[in-house]
Amino acid sequence: MKQPITGFHKDEKGDWVAELKCGHNQHVRHNPPWQLRPWVVSEEGRKSRLGTQLNCKKCEK
């Protein structure tokens, strides 16, 4: 189920986590070459992704 991103925070390891409208969270790591999300490392990049929809696996269950 698609849910919009409403904010971001870092977890205990320092990885970025997207906060979704449904109340669930999802990691959005930039970990090349496996995950390419260079936008997550800057505040400007994260702000540009607010409202973007991610697939929430917890909502699907």
PDB file of N, CA and C in Angstrom:
ATOM      1  N   MET A   1       0.851  -1.181   0.000  1.00  0.00           N
ATOM      2  CA  MET A   1       0.000   0.000   0.000  1.00  0.00           C
ATOM      3  C   MET A   1       0.893   1.239   0.000  1.00  0.00           C
ATOM      4  N   LYS A   2       0.647   2.134  -0.912  1.00  0.00           N
ATOM      5  CA  LYS A   2       1.442   3.355  -1.036  1.00  0.00           C
ATOM      6  C   LYS A   2       1.045   4.364   0.046  1.00  0.00           C
ATOM      7  N   GLN A   3       2.073   4.951   0.677  1.00  0.00           N
ATOM      8  CA  GLN A   3       1.869   5.963   1.712  1.00  0.00           C
ATOM      9  C   GLN A   3       2.850   7.112   1.476  1.00  0.00           C
ATOM     10  N   PRO A   4       2.418   8.370   1.645  1.00  0.00           N
ATOM     11  CA  PRO A   4       3.317   9.500   1.435  1.00  0.00           C
ATOM     12  C   PRO A   4       4.297   9.693   2.606  1.00  0.00           C
ATOM     13  N   ILE A   5       5.489  10.176   2.267  1.00  0.00           N
ATOM     14  CA  ILE A   5       6.493  10.516   3.274  1.00  0.00           C
ATOM     15  C   ILE A   5       6.098  11.838   3.928  1.00  0.00           C
ATOM     16  N   THR A   6       6.096  11.855   5.261  1.00  0.00           N
ATOM     17  CA  THR A   6       5.744  13.079   5.991  1.00  0.00           C
ATOM     18  C   THR A   6       6.942  13.685   6.717  1.00  0.00           C
ATOM     19  N   GLY A   7       8.023  12.933   6.854  1.00  0.00           N
ATOM     20  CA  GLY A   7       9.206  13.438   7.539  1.00  0.00           C
ATOM     21  C   GLY A   7      10.310  12.398   7.537  1.00  0.00           C
ATOM     22  N   PHE A   8      11.420  12.746   8.186  1.00  0.00           N
ATOM     23  CA  PHE A   8      12.579  11.867   8.262  1.00  0.00           C
ATOM     24  C   PHE A   8      13.207  11.965   9.643  1.00  0.00           C
ATOM     25  N   HIS A   9      13.859  10.898  10.049  1.00  0.00           N
ATOM     26  CA  HIS A   9      14.694  10.922  11.254  1.00  0.00           C
ATOM     27  C   HIS A   9      15.790   9.882  11.076  1.00  0.00           C
ATOM     28  N   LYS A  10      16.815   9.948  11.933  1.00  0.00           N
ATOM     29  CA  LYS A  10      17.888   8.957  11.896  1.00  0.00           C
ATOM     30  C   LYS A  10      17.645   7.905  12.965  1.00  0.00           C
ATOM     31  N   ASP A  11      17.989   6.659  12.640  1.00  0.00           N
ATOM     32  CA  ASP A  11      17.871   5.584  13.629  1.00  0.00           C
ATOM     33  C   ASP A  11      19.113   5.562  14.520  1.00  0.00           C
ATOM     34  N   GLU A  12      19.182   4.577  15.412  1.00  0.00           N
ATOM     35  CA  GLU A  12      20.292   4.501  16.367  1.00  0.00           C
ATOM     36  C   GLU A  12      21.644   4.255  15.702  1.00  0.00           C
ATOM     37  N   LYS A  13      21.653   3.778  14.463  1.00  0.00           N
ATOM     38  CA  LYS A  13      22.900   3.545  13.723  1.00  0.00           C
ATOM     39  C   LYS A  13      23.271   4.720  12.826  1.00  0.00           C
ATOM     40  N   GLY A  14      22.396   5.735  12.772  1.00  0.00           N
ATOM     41  CA  GLY A  14      22.657   6.905  11.938  1.00  0.00           C
ATOM     42  C   GLY A  14      22.116   6.792  10.525  1.00  0.00           C
ATOM     43  N   ASP A  15      21.302   5.765  10.262  1.00  0.00           N
ATOM     44  CA  ASP A  15      20.686   5.616   8.943  1.00  0.00           C
ATOM     45  C   ASP A  15      19.384   6.417   8.887  1.00  0.00           C
ATOM     46  N   TRP A  16      19.083   6.969   7.709  1.00  0.00           N
ATOM     47  CA  TRP A  16      17.866   7.758   7.542  1.00  0.00           C
ATOM     48  C   TRP A  16      16.640   6.867   7.426  1.00  0.00           C
ATOM     49  N   VAL A  17      15.559   7.315   8.073  1.00  0.00           N
ATOM     50  CA  VAL A  17      14.293   6.597   8.098  1.00  0.00           C
ATOM     51  C   VAL A  17      13.199   7.567   7.657  1.00  0.00           C
ATOM     52  N   ALA A  18      12.385   7.141   6.689  1.00  0.00           N
ATOM     53  CA  ALA A  18      11.242   7.955   6.250  1.00  0.00           C
ATOM     54  C   ALA A  18      10.068   7.678   7.181  1.00  0.00           C
ATOM     55  N   GLU A  19       9.404   8.750   7.591  1.00  0.00           N
ATOM     56  CA  GLU A  19       8.185   8.643   8.401  1.00  0.00           C
ATOM     57  C   GLU A  19       7.010   8.736   7.437  1.00  0.00           C
ATOM     58  N   LEU A  20       6.136   7.748   7.469  1.00  0.00           N
ATOM     59  CA  LEU A  20       5.020   7.691   6.536  1.00  0.00           C
ATOM     60  C   LEU A  20       3.723   8.169   7.183  1.00  0.00           C
ATOM     61  N   LYS A  21       2.797   8.623   6.366  1.00  0.00           N
ATOM     62  CA  LYS A  21       1.520   9.168   6.847  1.00  0.00           C
ATOM     63  C   LYS A  21       0.749   8.164   7.696  1.00  0.00           C
ATOM     64  N   CYS A  22       0.907   6.882   7.398  1.00  0.00           N
ATOM     65  CA  CYS A  22       0.189   5.831   8.123  1.00  0.00           C
ATOM     66  C   CYS A  22       0.735   5.621   9.543  1.00  0.00           C
ATOM     67  N   GLY A  23       1.888   6.240   9.842  1.00  0.00           N
ATOM     68  CA  GLY A  23       2.496   6.082  11.160  1.00  0.00           C
ATOM     69  C   GLY A  23       3.640   5.080  11.193  1.00  0.00           C
ATOM     70  N   HIS A  24       3.840   4.362  10.091  1.00  0.00           N
ATOM     71  CA  HIS A  24       4.951   3.424  10.007  1.00  0.00           C
ATOM     72  C   HIS A  24       6.199   4.138   9.499  1.00  0.00           C
ATOM     73  N   ASN A  25       7.337   3.466   9.605  1.00  0.00           N
ATOM     74  CA  ASN A  25       8.615   4.012   9.163  1.00  0.00           C
ATOM     75  C   ASN A  25       9.257   3.074   8.159  1.00  0.00           C
ATOM     76  N   GLN A  26      10.127   3.628   7.318  1.00  0.00           N
ATOM     77  CA  GLN A  26      10.851   2.807   6.345  1.00  0.00           C
ATOM     78  C   GLN A  26      12.240   3.394   6.135  1.00  0.00           C
ATOM     79  N   HIS A  27      13.274   2.542   6.212  1.00  0.00           N
ATOM     80  CA  HIS A  27      14.632   3.004   5.955  1.00  0.00           C
ATOM     81  C   HIS A  27      14.775   3.458   4.506  1.00  0.00           C
ATOM     82  N   VAL A  28      15.512   4.538   4.315  1.00  0.00           N
ATOM     83  CA  VAL A  28      15.817   5.059   2.980  1.00  0.00           C
ATOM     84  C   VAL A  28      17.318   5.322   2.921  1.00  0.00           C
ATOM     85  N   ARG A  29      18.091   4.237   2.964  1.00  0.00           N
ATOM     86  CA  ARG A  29      19.546   4.332   2.994  1.00  0.00           C
ATOM     87  C   ARG A  29      20.118   4.658   1.615  1.00  0.00           C
ATOM     88  N   HIS A  30      21.223   5.403   1.644  1.00  0.00           N
ATOM     89  CA  HIS A  30      22.054   5.583   0.454  1.00  0.00           C
ATOM     90  C   HIS A  30      23.284   4.724   0.703  1.00  0.00           C
ATOM     91  N   ASN A  31      23.310   3.537   0.090  1.00  0.00           N
ATOM     92  CA  ASN A  31      24.358   2.561   0.343  1.00  0.00           C
ATOM     93  C   ASN A  31      24.818   1.959  -0.986  1.00  0.00           C
ATOM     94  N   PRO A  32      25.541   2.763  -1.791  1.00  0.00           N
ATOM     95  CA  PRO A  32      25.976   2.269  -3.099  1.00  0.00           C
ATOM     96  C   PRO A  32      26.850   1.029  -2.962  1.00  0.00           C
ATOM     97  N   PRO A  33      26.811   0.117  -3.882  1.00  0.00           N
ATOM     98  CA  PRO A  33      26.019   0.127  -5.118  1.00  0.00           C
ATOM     99  C   PRO A  33      24.646  -0.513  -4.958  1.00  0.00           C
ATOM    100  N   TRP A  34      24.284  -0.945  -3.759  1.00  0.00           N
ATOM    101  CA  TRP A  34      23.015  -1.659  -3.569  1.00  0.00           C
ATOM    102  C   TRP A  34      21.802  -0.736  -3.568  1.00  0.00           C
ATOM    103  N   GLN A  35      21.894   0.384  -2.899  1.00  0.00           N
ATOM    104  CA  GLN A  35      20.766   1.326  -2.838  1.00  0.00           C
ATOM    105  C   GLN A  35      21.287   2.711  -3.187  1.00  0.00           C
ATOM    106  N   LEU A  36      20.768   3.273  -4.252  1.00  0.00           N
ATOM    107  CA  LEU A  36      21.211   4.587  -4.705  1.00  0.00           C
ATOM    108  C   LEU A  36      20.148   5.626  -4.378  1.00  0.00           C
ATOM    109  N   ARG A  37      20.353   6.301  -3.286  1.00  0.00           N
ATOM    110  CA  ARG A  37      19.449   7.377  -2.864  1.00  0.00           C
ATOM    111  C   ARG A  37      20.280   8.571  -2.396  1.00  0.00           C
ATOM    112  N   PRO A  38      21.018   9.197  -3.317  1.00  0.00           N
ATOM    113  CA  PRO A  38      21.879  10.310  -2.921  1.00  0.00           C
ATOM    114  C   PRO A  38      21.111  11.486  -2.337  1.00  0.00           C
ATOM    115  N   TRP A  39      19.830  11.592  -2.661  1.00  0.00           N
ATOM    116  CA  TRP A  39      19.003  12.695  -2.164  1.00  0.00           C
ATOM    117  C   TRP A  39      18.842  12.656  -0.644  1.00  0.00           C
ATOM    118  N   VAL A  40      19.007  11.489  -0.027  1.00  0.00           N
ATOM    119  CA  VAL A  40      18.755  11.355   1.407  1.00  0.00           C
ATOM    120  C   VAL A  40      19.862  11.979   2.263  1.00  0.00           C
ATOM    121  N   VAL A  41      21.035  12.218   1.687  1.00  0.00           N
ATOM    122  CA  VAL A  41      22.153  12.719   2.496  1.00  0.00           C
ATOM    123  C   VAL A  41      22.123  14.234   2.719  1.00  0.00           C
ATOM    124  N   SER A  42      21.251  14.951   2.007  1.00  0.00           N
ATOM    125  CA  SER A  42      21.161  16.403   2.229  1.00  0.00           C
ATOM    126  C   SER A  42      19.755  16.784   2.694  1.00  0.00           C
ATOM    127  N   GLU A  43      19.698  17.836   3.486  1.00  0.00           N
ATOM    128  CA  GLU A  43      18.395  18.314   3.971  1.00  0.00           C
ATOM    129  C   GLU A  43      17.514  18.729   2.797  1.00  0.00           C
ATOM    130  N   GLU A  44      18.117  19.390   1.819  1.00  0.00           N
ATOM    131  CA  GLU A  44      17.378  19.812   0.632  1.00  0.00           C
ATOM    132  C   GLU A  44      16.794  18.607  -0.113  1.00  0.00           C
ATOM    133  N   GLY A  45      17.600  17.562  -0.255  1.00  0.00           N
ATOM    134  CA  GLY A  45      17.158  16.350  -0.935  1.00  0.00           C
ATOM    135  C   GLY A  45      15.998  15.683  -0.222  1.00  0.00           C
ATOM    136  N   ARG A  46      16.100  15.600   1.109  1.00  0.00           N
ATOM    137  CA  ARG A  46      15.009  14.988   1.879  1.00  0.00           C
ATOM    138  C   ARG A  46      13.736  15.823   1.770  1.00  0.00           C
ATOM    139  N   LYS A  47      13.854  17.133   1.858  1.00  0.00           N
ATOM    140  CA  LYS A  47      12.674  17.998   1.727  1.00  0.00           C
ATOM    141  C   LYS A  47      12.012  17.823   0.370  1.00  0.00           C
ATOM    142  N   SER A  48      12.823  17.593  -0.672  1.00  0.00           N
ATOM    143  CA  SER A  48      12.267  17.435  -2.015  1.00  0.00           C
ATOM    144  C   SER A  48      11.455  16.151  -2.154  1.00  0.00           C
ATOM    145  N   ARG A  49      11.629  15.213  -1.240  1.00  0.00           N
ATOM    146  CA  ARG A  49      10.921  13.930  -1.307  1.00  0.00           C
ATOM    147  C   ARG A  49       9.696  13.862  -0.395  1.00  0.00           C
ATOM    148  N   LEU A  50       9.442  14.917   0.379  1.00  0.00           N
ATOM    149  CA  LEU A  50       8.234  14.928   1.202  1.00  0.00           C
ATOM    150  C   LEU A  50       7.017  14.800   0.292  1.00  0.00           C
ATOM    151  N   GLY A  51       6.108  13.912   0.645  1.00  0.00           N
ATOM    152  CA  GLY A  51       4.922  13.670  -0.168  1.00  0.00           C
ATOM    153  C   GLY A  51       5.092  12.531  -1.161  1.00  0.00           C
ATOM    154  N   THR A  52       6.343  12.150  -1.426  1.00  0.00           N
ATOM    155  CA  THR A  52       6.591  11.011  -2.314  1.00  0.00           C
ATOM    156  C   THR A  52       6.029   9.758  -1.659  1.00  0.00           C
ATOM    157  N   GLN A  53       5.430   8.908  -2.439  1.00  0.00           N
ATOM    158  CA  GLN A  53       4.818   7.706  -1.881  1.00  0.00           C
ATOM    159  C   GLN A  53       5.784   6.522  -1.923  1.00  0.00           C
ATOM    160  N   LEU A  54       5.826   5.803  -0.807  1.00  0.00           N
ATOM    161  CA  LEU A  54       6.593   4.569  -0.702  1.00  0.00           C
ATOM    162  C   LEU A  54       5.627   3.434  -0.415  1.00  0.00           C
ATOM    163  N   ASN A  55       6.004   2.254  -0.805  1.00  0.00           N
ATOM    164  CA  ASN A  55       5.188   1.077  -0.534  1.00  0.00           C
ATOM    165  C   ASN A  55       5.381   0.666   0.923  1.00  0.00           C
ATOM    166  N   CYS A  56       4.325   0.713   1.733  1.00  0.00           N
ATOM    167  CA  CYS A  56       4.391   0.332   3.149  1.00  0.00           C
ATOM    168  C   CYS A  56       4.007  -1.141   3.287  1.00  0.00           C
ATOM    169  N   LYS A  57       5.000  -1.962   3.564  1.00  0.00           N
ATOM    170  CA  LYS A  57       4.756  -3.404   3.697  1.00  0.00           C
ATOM    171  C   LYS A  57       3.947  -3.734   4.949  1.00  0.00           C
ATOM    172  N   LYS A  58       4.079  -2.911   5.999  1.00  0.00           N
ATOM    173  CA  LYS A  58       3.309  -3.164   7.224  1.00  0.00           C
ATOM    174  C   LYS A  58       1.825  -2.927   6.983  1.00  0.00           C
ATOM    175  N   CYS A  59       1.466  -1.939   6.182  1.00  0.00           N
ATOM    176  CA  CYS A  59       0.057  -1.671   5.873  1.00  0.00           C
ATOM    177  C   CYS A  59      -0.537  -2.777   5.006  1.00  0.00           C
ATOM    178  N   GLU A  60       0.280  -3.387   4.171  1.00  0.00           N
ATOM    179  CA  GLU A  60      -0.207  -4.455   3.309  1.00  0.00           C
ATOM    180  C   GLU A  60      -0.589  -5.699   4.106  1.00  0.00           C
ATOM    181  N   LYS A  61       0.054  -5.886   5.268  1.00  0.00           N
ATOM    182  CA  LYS A  61      -0.246  -7.061   6.097  1.00  0.00           C
ATOM    183  C   LYS A  61      -1.514  -6.853   6.822  1.00  0.00           C
TER     184      LYS A  61
END
